[in-house]
């Protein structure tokens, strides 16, 4: 993601506020509304569990060892 191409959204300030208060936040909404793009903008690392690469190896890794999925710079995006 090129953060320079990100178009600011109304929710951005609330996400920044919540990230300062809570250890994690959940962003929900319909498909193709920009949840992942917005989340990537606010994160310093990510893992995509729904990535079909390696026969969904990230999802399998999360099932076997959830602590490995949490490793990375914070805030960390864990995308389904």
C-alpha atoms as a PDB file:
ATOM      1  CA  UNK A   1       0.000   0.000   0.000  1.00  0.00           C
ATOM      2  CA  UNK A   2       1.253   3.455  -0.874  1.00  0.00           C
ATOM      3  CA  UNK A   3       0.066   5.612   2.029  1.00  0.00           C
ATOM      4  CA  UNK A   4       0.363   8.712  -0.189  1.00  0.00           C
ATOM      5  CA  UNK A   5      -2.523   7.381  -2.312  1.00  0.00           C
ATOM      6  CA  UNK A   6      -4.840   6.951   0.682  1.00  0.00           C
ATOM      7  CA  UNK A   7      -8.000   9.074   0.587  1.00  0.00           C
ATOM      8  CA  UNK A   8      -8.933  10.249   4.111  1.00  0.00           C
ATOM      9  CA  UNK A   9     -12.189   8.918   5.511  1.00  0.00           C
ATOM     10  CA  UNK A  10     -14.577  10.173   8.175  1.00  0.00           C
ATOM     11  CA  UNK A  11     -13.686   7.219  10.432  1.00  0.00           C
ATOM     12  CA  UNK A  12      -9.918   7.946  10.509  1.00  0.00           C
ATOM     13  CA  UNK A  13      -9.956  10.225  13.558  1.00  0.00           C
ATOM     14  CA  UNK A  14     -12.047   7.724  15.535  1.00  0.00           C
ATOM     15  CA  UNK A  15      -9.658   4.893  14.627  1.00  0.00           C
ATOM     16  CA  UNK A  16      -6.672   6.979  15.767  1.00  0.00           C
ATOM     17  CA  UNK A  17      -8.461   7.796  19.033  1.00  0.00           C
ATOM     18  CA  UNK A  18      -9.394   4.169  19.721  1.00  0.00           C
ATOM     19  CA  UNK A  19      -5.896   2.886  18.922  1.00  0.00           C
ATOM     20  CA  UNK A  20      -4.543   5.187  21.640  1.00  0.00           C
ATOM     21  CA  UNK A  21      -7.062   3.832  24.178  1.00  0.00           C
ATOM     22  CA  UNK A  22      -7.514   0.121  23.396  1.00  0.00           C
ATOM     23  CA  UNK A  23      -5.115  -2.706  22.586  1.00  0.00           C
ATOM     24  CA  UNK A  24      -7.174  -3.708  19.559  1.00  0.00           C
ATOM     25  CA  UNK A  25     -10.130  -2.550  17.519  1.00  0.00           C
ATOM     26  CA  UNK A  26     -12.463  -4.402  15.169  1.00  0.00           C
ATOM     27  CA  UNK A  27     -13.491  -2.745  11.912  1.00  0.00           C
ATOM     28  CA  UNK A  28     -16.620  -4.250  10.375  1.00  0.00           C
ATOM     29  CA  UNK A  29     -18.672  -3.416   7.303  1.00  0.00           C
ATOM     30  CA  UNK A  30     -19.893  -4.686   3.936  1.00  0.00           C
ATOM     31  CA  UNK A  31     -17.542  -6.084   1.311  1.00  0.00           C
ATOM     32  CA  UNK A  32     -15.583  -3.611  -0.805  1.00  0.00           C
ATOM     33  CA  UNK A  33     -16.230  -0.576   1.446  1.00  0.00           C
ATOM     34  CA  UNK A  34     -12.539   0.078   2.236  1.00  0.00           C
ATOM     35  CA  UNK A  35     -12.062  -1.737   5.569  1.00  0.00           C
ATOM     36  CA  UNK A  36      -8.744  -3.333   4.600  1.00  0.00           C
ATOM     37  CA  UNK A  37      -7.390  -0.209   2.883  1.00  0.00           C
ATOM     38  CA  UNK A  38      -8.267   1.938   5.919  1.00  0.00           C
ATOM     39  CA  UNK A  39      -6.833  -0.647   8.306  1.00  0.00           C
ATOM     40  CA  UNK A  40      -3.593  -0.888   6.323  1.00  0.00           C
ATOM     41  CA  UNK A  41      -3.237   2.893   6.495  1.00  0.00           C
ATOM     42  CA  UNK A  42      -3.403   2.807  10.301  1.00  0.00           C
ATOM     43  CA  UNK A  43      -1.208  -0.287  10.799  1.00  0.00           C
ATOM     44  CA  UNK A  44       2.537  -0.840  10.955  1.00  0.00           C
ATOM     45  CA  UNK A  45       2.409  -4.535  10.052  1.00  0.00           C
ATOM     46  CA  UNK A  46      -0.159  -6.963   8.730  1.00  0.00           C
ATOM     47  CA  UNK A  47      -1.064 -10.560   8.058  1.00  0.00           C
ATOM     48  CA  UNK A  48      -3.751 -11.558   5.572  1.00  0.00           C
ATOM     49  CA  UNK A  49      -5.427 -14.768   6.723  1.00  0.00           C
ATOM     50  CA  UNK A  50      -7.562 -15.009   3.576  1.00  0.00           C
ATOM     51  CA  UNK A  51      -4.570 -14.896   1.243  1.00  0.00           C
ATOM     52  CA  UNK A  52      -4.799 -18.038  -0.942  1.00  0.00           C
ATOM     53  CA  UNK A  53      -0.991 -18.219  -1.288  1.00  0.00           C
ATOM     54  CA  UNK A  54       0.459 -21.519  -0.162  1.00  0.00           C
ATOM     55  CA  UNK A  55      -3.010 -23.062   0.133  1.00  0.00           C
ATOM     56  CA  UNK A  56      -4.038 -20.468   2.760  1.00  0.00           C
ATOM     57  CA  UNK A  57      -0.899 -21.058   4.826  1.00  0.00           C
ATOM     58  CA  UNK A  58      -1.491 -17.918   6.970  1.00  0.00           C
ATOM     59  CA  UNK A  59      -4.889 -19.198   8.081  1.00  0.00           C
ATOM     60  CA  UNK A  60      -3.450 -22.616   8.876  1.00  0.00           C
ATOM     61  CA  UNK A  61      -0.604 -20.982  10.812  1.00  0.00           C
ATOM     62  CA  UNK A  62      -3.127 -18.981  12.863  1.00  0.00           C
ATOM     63  CA  UNK A  63      -5.002 -22.181  13.740  1.00  0.00           C
ATOM     64  CA  UNK A  64      -1.822 -24.000  14.780  1.00  0.00           C
ATOM     65  CA  UNK A  65      -0.053 -21.156  16.601  1.00  0.00           C
ATOM     66  CA  UNK A  66      -2.051 -17.933  17.153  1.00  0.00           C
ATOM     67  CA  UNK A  67       0.857 -16.253  18.959  1.00  0.00           C
ATOM     68  CA  UNK A  68       2.944 -16.246  15.751  1.00  0.00           C
ATOM     69  CA  UNK A  69       0.190 -14.351  13.934  1.00  0.00           C
ATOM     70  CA  UNK A  70       0.367 -11.629  16.585  1.00  0.00           C
ATOM     71  CA  UNK A  71       4.112 -11.065  16.058  1.00  0.00           C
ATOM     72  CA  UNK A  72       4.912  -7.834  14.253  1.00  0.00           C
ATOM     73  CA  UNK A  73       5.007  -4.082  14.691  1.00  0.00           C
ATOM     74  CA  UNK A  74       1.957  -2.543  16.318  1.00  0.00           C
ATOM     75  CA  UNK A  75      -0.654  -1.633  15.483  1.00  0.00           C
ATOM     76  CA  UNK A  76      -0.919  -4.912  13.579  1.00  0.00           C
ATOM     77  CA  UNK A  77      -3.633  -5.646  11.042  1.00  0.00           C
ATOM     78  CA  UNK A  78      -5.039  -9.166  11.110  1.00  0.00           C
ATOM     79  CA  UNK A  79      -7.291  -9.343   8.074  1.00  0.00           C
ATOM     80  CA  UNK A  80      -9.616 -12.237   7.404  1.00  0.00           C
END
